[in-house]
Amino acid sequence: MAQAKTYGTGRRKSSIARVWLAPGKGNIKINNRTLDNYFGREALSNIVEKPLKVVNKRTEVDIFAKVEGGGFTGQAGAIQHGIARALLQYDPTLRLALKKEGLLTRDARMKERKKYGQRGARARYQFSKR
């Protein structure tokens, strides 16, 4: 059940997080920085900690994550997804609780591409009748 170290990959928008989970005291390191140091806003910290709170493992495991790409919100979502996947490797009996909260599902929403002949994805160039 509780192995030495487990791994999970999380993705959100253009962010990719590689997450390692090991038995410990509840320390969370992101790119060699503490959780509070990396994410200034408390809301982003809550997003990252959600999978641990759902399964009551906040003080039982240490988390080490490497994340790149995207912005802070996308990175927080990617880490959350990676933690959920790593928890599943750590203890497969947690699957039902994580699935019920929707933490194992990859959020497939991406930025829509800009189209040619337009100013953006949906926005057109200004039209002048005269």
N, C-alpha and C. Protein backbone atom coordinates (compact mmCIF):
# COMPACT_ATOMS: atom_id res chain seq x y z
N MET A 1 0.83 -1.20 0.00
CA MET A 1 0.00 0.00 0.00
C MET A 1 0.87 1.25 0.00
N ALA A 2 1.50 1.60 1.12
CA ALA A 2 2.32 2.81 1.18
C ALA A 2 3.73 2.48 0.71
N GLN A 3 4.05 2.95 -0.50
CA GLN A 3 5.36 2.67 -1.08
C GLN A 3 6.33 3.80 -0.72
N ALA A 4 7.57 3.66 -1.16
CA ALA A 4 8.58 4.66 -0.85
C ALA A 4 8.25 5.99 -1.53
N LYS A 5 8.14 6.00 -2.85
CA LYS A 5 7.88 7.23 -3.59
C LYS A 5 6.97 6.93 -4.76
N THR A 6 5.98 7.78 -4.97
CA THR A 6 5.09 7.59 -6.12
C THR A 6 5.11 8.86 -6.96
N TYR A 7 4.70 8.71 -8.23
CA TYR A 7 4.80 9.79 -9.19
C TYR A 7 3.48 10.00 -9.91
N GLY A 8 3.19 11.25 -10.24
CA GLY A 8 2.00 11.58 -11.02
C GLY A 8 2.28 12.79 -11.90
N THR A 9 1.77 12.75 -13.14
CA THR A 9 1.90 13.88 -14.05
C THR A 9 0.56 14.59 -14.13
N GLY A 10 0.60 15.91 -13.96
CA GLY A 10 -0.62 16.69 -14.05
C GLY A 10 -0.51 17.72 -15.14
N ARG A 11 -1.64 17.99 -15.82
CA ARG A 11 -1.65 18.98 -16.89
C ARG A 11 -2.89 19.87 -16.77
N ARG A 12 -2.71 21.14 -17.11
CA ARG A 12 -3.82 22.10 -17.13
C ARG A 12 -3.42 23.24 -18.03
N LYS A 13 -4.25 23.56 -19.01
CA LYS A 13 -3.93 24.57 -20.03
C LYS A 13 -2.57 24.24 -20.64
N SER A 14 -1.58 25.13 -20.54
CA SER A 14 -0.27 24.82 -21.12
C SER A 14 0.76 24.49 -20.03
N SER A 15 0.30 24.21 -18.83
CA SER A 15 1.19 23.87 -17.71
C SER A 15 1.32 22.35 -17.56
N ILE A 16 2.52 21.92 -17.24
CA ILE A 16 2.79 20.50 -16.98
C ILE A 16 3.50 20.39 -15.64
N ALA A 17 2.96 19.55 -14.76
CA ALA A 17 3.54 19.35 -13.43
C ALA A 17 3.96 17.90 -13.26
N ARG A 18 5.18 17.71 -12.78
CA ARG A 18 5.67 16.38 -12.41
C ARG A 18 5.70 16.35 -10.88
N VAL A 19 4.93 15.43 -10.31
CA VAL A 19 4.74 15.42 -8.85
C VAL A 19 5.22 14.09 -8.26
N TRP A 20 6.07 14.20 -7.23
CA TRP A 20 6.52 13.03 -6.47
C TRP A 20 5.93 13.11 -5.08
N LEU A 21 5.48 11.97 -4.57
CA LEU A 21 4.82 11.91 -3.27
C LEU A 21 5.52 10.85 -2.43
N ALA A 22 5.87 11.21 -1.19
CA ALA A 22 6.57 10.27 -0.31
C ALA A 22 6.00 10.40 1.10
N PRO A 23 6.05 9.33 1.90
CA PRO A 23 5.60 9.44 3.30
C PRO A 23 6.42 10.51 4.02
N GLY A 24 5.73 11.32 4.82
CA GLY A 24 6.44 12.41 5.50
C GLY A 24 5.55 13.16 6.47
N LYS A 25 5.83 14.46 6.62
CA LYS A 25 5.13 15.28 7.61
C LYS A 25 4.18 16.32 7.01
N GLY A 26 4.02 16.33 5.69
CA GLY A 26 3.10 17.27 5.07
C GLY A 26 3.77 18.46 4.40
N ASN A 27 5.07 18.36 4.11
CA ASN A 27 5.77 19.44 3.43
C ASN A 27 5.45 19.43 1.95
N ILE A 28 5.24 20.62 1.37
CA ILE A 28 4.99 20.75 -0.06
C ILE A 28 6.04 21.68 -0.64
N LYS A 29 6.81 21.16 -1.59
CA LYS A 29 7.84 21.96 -2.29
C LYS A 29 7.48 22.01 -3.77
N ILE A 30 7.48 23.23 -4.32
CA ILE A 30 7.22 23.42 -5.74
C ILE A 30 8.42 24.16 -6.33
N ASN A 31 9.10 23.56 -7.29
CA ASN A 31 10.31 24.12 -7.89
C ASN A 31 11.30 24.58 -6.81
N ASN A 32 11.50 23.73 -5.81
CA ASN A 32 12.42 23.97 -4.68
C ASN A 32 12.04 25.17 -3.82
N ARG A 33 10.76 25.56 -3.85
CA ARG A 33 10.25 26.63 -3.00
C ARG A 33 9.04 26.11 -2.24
N THR A 34 8.75 26.70 -1.08
CA THR A 34 7.59 26.27 -0.31
C THR A 34 6.31 26.69 -1.03
N LEU A 35 5.21 26.06 -0.65
CA LEU A 35 3.92 26.33 -1.28
C LEU A 35 3.53 27.80 -1.14
N ASP A 36 3.65 28.35 0.09
CA ASP A 36 3.27 29.75 0.32
C ASP A 36 4.20 30.72 -0.40
N ASN A 37 5.45 30.33 -0.53
CA ASN A 37 6.42 31.18 -1.22
C ASN A 37 6.17 31.19 -2.73
N TYR A 38 5.78 30.04 -3.29
CA TYR A 38 5.58 29.93 -4.74
C TYR A 38 4.28 30.60 -5.18
N PHE A 39 3.18 30.27 -4.49
CA PHE A 39 1.88 30.87 -4.79
C PHE A 39 1.58 31.91 -3.73
N GLY A 40 1.56 33.17 -4.11
CA GLY A 40 1.29 34.24 -3.15
C GLY A 40 -0.13 34.22 -2.63
N ARG A 41 -1.09 33.83 -3.49
CA ARG A 41 -2.50 33.87 -3.11
C ARG A 41 -2.93 32.58 -2.42
N GLU A 42 -3.76 32.74 -1.40
CA GLU A 42 -4.23 31.59 -0.63
C GLU A 42 -5.14 30.69 -1.46
N ALA A 43 -5.89 31.28 -2.40
CA ALA A 43 -6.81 30.50 -3.23
C ALA A 43 -6.05 29.46 -4.06
N LEU A 44 -4.87 29.82 -4.55
CA LEU A 44 -4.07 28.89 -5.34
C LEU A 44 -3.50 27.78 -4.46
N SER A 45 -3.15 28.12 -3.23
CA SER A 45 -2.66 27.10 -2.29
C SER A 45 -3.77 26.11 -1.96
N ASN A 46 -5.01 26.61 -1.84
CA ASN A 46 -6.15 25.73 -1.56
C ASN A 46 -6.40 24.78 -2.72
N ILE A 47 -6.21 25.25 -3.96
CA ILE A 47 -6.38 24.40 -5.13
C ILE A 47 -5.38 23.25 -5.07
N VAL A 48 -4.12 23.57 -4.75
CA VAL A 48 -3.06 22.56 -4.69
C VAL A 48 -3.33 21.53 -3.59
N GLU A 49 -3.82 21.99 -2.43
CA GLU A 49 -4.02 21.11 -1.27
C GLU A 49 -5.31 20.31 -1.32
N LYS A 50 -6.23 20.63 -2.23
CA LYS A 50 -7.55 19.99 -2.25
C LYS A 50 -7.51 18.46 -2.28
N PRO A 51 -6.69 17.81 -3.16
CA PRO A 51 -6.69 16.34 -3.16
C PRO A 51 -6.27 15.75 -1.81
N LEU A 52 -5.32 16.41 -1.13
CA LEU A 52 -4.85 15.92 0.17
C LEU A 52 -5.93 16.06 1.24
N LYS A 53 -6.69 17.15 1.19
CA LYS A 53 -7.77 17.37 2.16
C LYS A 53 -8.92 16.39 1.95
N VAL A 54 -9.20 16.06 0.68
CA VAL A 54 -10.30 15.14 0.36
C VAL A 54 -10.04 13.76 0.97
N VAL A 55 -8.78 13.31 0.93
CA VAL A 55 -8.45 11.97 1.44
C VAL A 55 -7.79 11.99 2.82
N ASN A 56 -7.77 13.16 3.48
CA ASN A 56 -7.21 13.32 4.83
C ASN A 56 -5.76 12.83 4.94
N LYS A 57 -4.91 13.25 4.00
CA LYS A 57 -3.50 12.85 4.02
C LYS A 57 -2.59 14.08 4.08
N ARG A 58 -3.12 15.23 4.50
CA ARG A 58 -2.38 16.49 4.49
C ARG A 58 -1.09 16.42 5.31
N THR A 59 -1.12 15.72 6.44
CA THR A 59 0.06 15.66 7.32
C THR A 59 0.81 14.33 7.22
N GLU A 60 0.39 13.45 6.30
CA GLU A 60 1.01 12.13 6.19
C GLU A 60 2.03 12.01 5.07
N VAL A 61 1.95 12.89 4.06
CA VAL A 61 2.83 12.76 2.89
C VAL A 61 3.54 14.07 2.58
N ASP A 62 4.76 13.95 2.07
CA ASP A 62 5.52 15.09 1.55
C ASP A 62 5.36 15.11 0.04
N ILE A 63 5.29 16.32 -0.52
CA ILE A 63 5.11 16.46 -1.96
C ILE A 63 6.23 17.32 -2.52
N PHE A 64 6.81 16.84 -3.62
CA PHE A 64 7.82 17.58 -4.35
C PHE A 64 7.36 17.69 -5.79
N ALA A 65 7.21 18.92 -6.30
CA ALA A 65 6.68 19.11 -7.65
C ALA A 65 7.59 20.00 -8.48
N LYS A 66 7.72 19.66 -9.75
CA LYS A 66 8.38 20.50 -10.74
C LYS A 66 7.30 20.90 -11.74
N VAL A 67 7.11 22.20 -11.93
CA VAL A 67 6.05 22.65 -12.83
C VAL A 67 6.61 23.70 -13.78
N GLU A 68 6.13 23.65 -15.02
CA GLU A 68 6.59 24.62 -16.02
C GLU A 68 5.46 24.94 -16.98
N GLY A 69 5.55 26.11 -17.60
CA GLY A 69 4.58 26.54 -18.61
C GLY A 69 3.34 27.17 -18.00
N GLY A 70 2.71 28.04 -18.76
CA GLY A 70 1.45 28.66 -18.35
C GLY A 70 1.61 29.68 -17.24
N GLY A 71 0.48 30.06 -16.65
CA GLY A 71 0.46 31.02 -15.55
C GLY A 71 0.24 30.33 -14.22
N PHE A 72 0.08 31.14 -13.18
CA PHE A 72 -0.05 30.58 -11.83
C PHE A 72 -1.29 29.70 -11.67
N THR A 73 -2.43 30.13 -12.21
CA THR A 73 -3.67 29.35 -12.06
C THR A 73 -3.56 28.01 -12.77
N GLY A 74 -3.02 28.02 -13.99
CA GLY A 74 -2.82 26.78 -14.73
C GLY A 74 -1.84 25.86 -14.04
N GLN A 75 -0.79 26.43 -13.45
CA GLN A 75 0.20 25.63 -12.73
C GLN A 75 -0.40 25.01 -11.48
N ALA A 76 -1.24 25.77 -10.77
CA ALA A 76 -1.91 25.23 -9.57
C ALA A 76 -2.81 24.06 -9.96
N GLY A 77 -3.56 24.21 -11.04
CA GLY A 77 -4.42 23.13 -11.52
C GLY A 77 -3.64 21.90 -11.95
N ALA A 78 -2.49 22.12 -12.58
CA ALA A 78 -1.64 21.00 -13.02
C ALA A 78 -1.07 20.26 -11.82
N ILE A 79 -0.65 21.00 -10.79
CA ILE A 79 -0.12 20.35 -9.58
C ILE A 79 -1.21 19.57 -8.88
N GLN A 80 -2.42 20.14 -8.82
CA GLN A 80 -3.56 19.43 -8.21
C GLN A 80 -3.81 18.11 -8.93
N HIS A 81 -3.81 18.13 -10.25
CA HIS A 81 -4.03 16.92 -11.04
C HIS A 81 -2.91 15.90 -10.81
N GLY A 82 -1.68 16.38 -10.74
CA GLY A 82 -0.54 15.49 -10.49
C GLY A 82 -0.58 14.87 -9.11
N ILE A 83 -0.97 15.65 -8.09
CA ILE A 83 -1.08 15.12 -6.73
C ILE A 83 -2.15 14.04 -6.67
N ALA A 84 -3.29 14.28 -7.32
CA ALA A 84 -4.37 13.30 -7.33
C ALA A 84 -3.91 11.99 -7.97
N ARG A 85 -3.17 12.09 -9.08
CA ARG A 85 -2.67 10.88 -9.75
C ARG A 85 -1.62 10.16 -8.90
N ALA A 86 -0.77 10.93 -8.23
CA ALA A 86 0.26 10.32 -7.37
C ALA A 86 -0.38 9.64 -6.16
N LEU A 87 -1.44 10.25 -5.61
CA LEU A 87 -2.16 9.63 -4.49
C LEU A 87 -2.78 8.30 -4.90
N LEU A 88 -3.24 8.24 -6.15
CA LEU A 88 -3.83 7.00 -6.67
C LEU A 88 -2.77 5.90 -6.75
N GLN A 89 -1.55 6.25 -7.13
CA GLN A 89 -0.44 5.29 -7.14
C GLN A 89 -0.07 4.88 -5.72
N TYR A 90 -0.10 5.84 -4.81
CA TYR A 90 0.25 5.64 -3.41
C TYR A 90 -0.71 4.67 -2.72
N ASP A 91 -2.02 4.89 -2.96
CA ASP A 91 -3.05 4.05 -2.34
C ASP A 91 -4.25 3.94 -3.27
N PRO A 92 -4.39 2.84 -4.02
CA PRO A 92 -5.49 2.69 -5.00
C PRO A 92 -6.90 2.73 -4.39
N THR A 93 -7.01 2.55 -3.07
CA THR A 93 -8.34 2.59 -2.45
C THR A 93 -8.91 4.01 -2.39
N LEU A 94 -8.10 5.01 -2.67
CA LEU A 94 -8.55 6.41 -2.64
C LEU A 94 -9.26 6.83 -3.93
N ARG A 95 -9.30 5.94 -4.91
CA ARG A 95 -9.84 6.28 -6.23
C ARG A 95 -11.26 6.82 -6.17
N LEU A 96 -12.13 6.19 -5.40
CA LEU A 96 -13.54 6.59 -5.34
C LEU A 96 -13.70 8.02 -4.82
N ALA A 97 -12.98 8.35 -3.75
CA ALA A 97 -13.07 9.70 -3.17
C ALA A 97 -12.53 10.76 -4.14
N LEU A 98 -11.41 10.47 -4.78
CA LEU A 98 -10.81 11.42 -5.72
C LEU A 98 -11.68 11.60 -6.96
N LYS A 99 -12.25 10.49 -7.45
CA LYS A 99 -13.09 10.53 -8.64
C LYS A 99 -14.37 11.32 -8.37
N LYS A 100 -14.94 11.14 -7.18
CA LYS A 100 -16.18 11.82 -6.81
C LYS A 100 -16.01 13.34 -6.81
N GLU A 101 -14.82 13.81 -6.41
CA GLU A 101 -14.51 15.24 -6.39
C GLU A 101 -14.06 15.75 -7.77
N GLY A 102 -13.91 14.85 -8.74
CA GLY A 102 -13.50 15.24 -10.09
C GLY A 102 -12.03 15.61 -10.21
N LEU A 103 -11.20 15.06 -9.32
CA LEU A 103 -9.78 15.43 -9.30
C LEU A 103 -8.92 14.59 -10.25
N LEU A 104 -9.46 13.48 -10.74
CA LEU A 104 -8.69 12.63 -11.64
C LEU A 104 -8.93 12.98 -13.11
N THR A 105 -9.92 13.82 -13.37
CA THR A 105 -10.26 14.20 -14.74
C THR A 105 -9.39 15.36 -15.20
N ARG A 106 -8.77 15.21 -16.34
CA ARG A 106 -7.94 16.26 -16.92
C ARG A 106 -8.86 17.35 -17.47
N ASP A 107 -8.63 18.60 -17.09
CA ASP A 107 -9.42 19.73 -17.60
C ASP A 107 -8.90 20.05 -19.00
N ALA A 108 -9.68 19.69 -20.01
CA ALA A 108 -9.22 19.76 -21.40
C ALA A 108 -9.36 21.15 -22.01
N ARG A 109 -9.88 22.11 -21.28
CA ARG A 109 -10.07 23.45 -21.84
C ARG A 109 -8.73 24.12 -22.12
N MET A 110 -8.56 24.56 -23.36
CA MET A 110 -7.34 25.23 -23.78
C MET A 110 -7.70 26.57 -24.40
N LYS A 111 -6.71 27.42 -24.59
CA LYS A 111 -6.93 28.70 -25.24
C LYS A 111 -7.26 28.44 -26.71
N GLU A 112 -8.31 29.10 -27.22
CA GLU A 112 -8.70 28.93 -28.60
C GLU A 112 -7.72 29.70 -29.49
N ARG A 113 -7.36 29.13 -30.61
CA ARG A 113 -6.36 29.77 -31.48
C ARG A 113 -6.93 30.96 -32.22
N LYS A 114 -6.04 31.87 -32.57
CA LYS A 114 -6.41 33.03 -33.37
C LYS A 114 -6.68 32.56 -34.80
N LYS A 115 -7.74 33.09 -35.43
CA LYS A 115 -8.07 32.72 -36.81
C LYS A 115 -7.56 33.80 -37.77
N TYR A 116 -7.18 33.39 -38.97
CA TYR A 116 -6.71 34.36 -39.97
C TYR A 116 -7.89 35.22 -40.43
N GLY A 117 -7.60 36.46 -40.78
CA GLY A 117 -8.65 37.38 -41.20
C GLY A 117 -9.44 37.95 -40.03
N GLN A 118 -9.03 37.65 -38.81
CA GLN A 118 -9.68 38.15 -37.60
C GLN A 118 -8.61 38.66 -36.65
N ARG A 119 -9.07 39.49 -35.66
CA ARG A 119 -8.16 40.08 -34.71
C ARG A 119 -7.77 39.08 -33.62
N GLY A 120 -8.64 38.12 -33.34
CA GLY A 120 -8.38 37.13 -32.30
C GLY A 120 -9.09 35.83 -32.62
N ALA A 121 -9.39 35.06 -31.58
CA ALA A 121 -10.06 33.78 -31.78
C ALA A 121 -11.49 34.00 -32.29
N ARG A 122 -12.18 34.96 -31.69
CA ARG A 122 -13.56 35.26 -32.09
C ARG A 122 -13.73 36.70 -32.56
N ALA A 123 -12.89 37.61 -32.02
CA ALA A 123 -13.02 39.03 -32.32
C ALA A 123 -12.63 39.31 -33.77
N ARG A 124 -13.49 40.09 -34.47
CA ARG A 124 -13.21 40.47 -35.85
C ARG A 124 -12.53 41.83 -35.87
N TYR A 125 -11.93 42.15 -37.03
CA TYR A 125 -11.44 43.52 -37.23
C TYR A 125 -12.64 44.45 -37.34
N GLN A 126 -12.44 45.71 -36.95
CA GLN A 126 -13.55 46.68 -36.97
C GLN A 126 -14.02 46.89 -38.41
N PHE A 127 -15.35 46.90 -38.58
CA PHE A 127 -15.97 47.07 -39.88
C PHE A 127 -16.42 48.50 -40.04
N SER A 128 -16.08 49.11 -41.18
CA SER A 128 -16.52 50.47 -41.46
C SER A 128 -17.37 50.45 -42.73
N LYS A 129 -18.59 50.88 -42.59
CA LYS A 129 -19.50 50.89 -43.74
C LYS A 129 -19.10 51.98 -44.74
N ARG A 130 -18.68 53.14 -44.22
CA ARG A 130 -18.29 54.26 -45.10
C ARG A 130 -16.86 54.69 -44.84
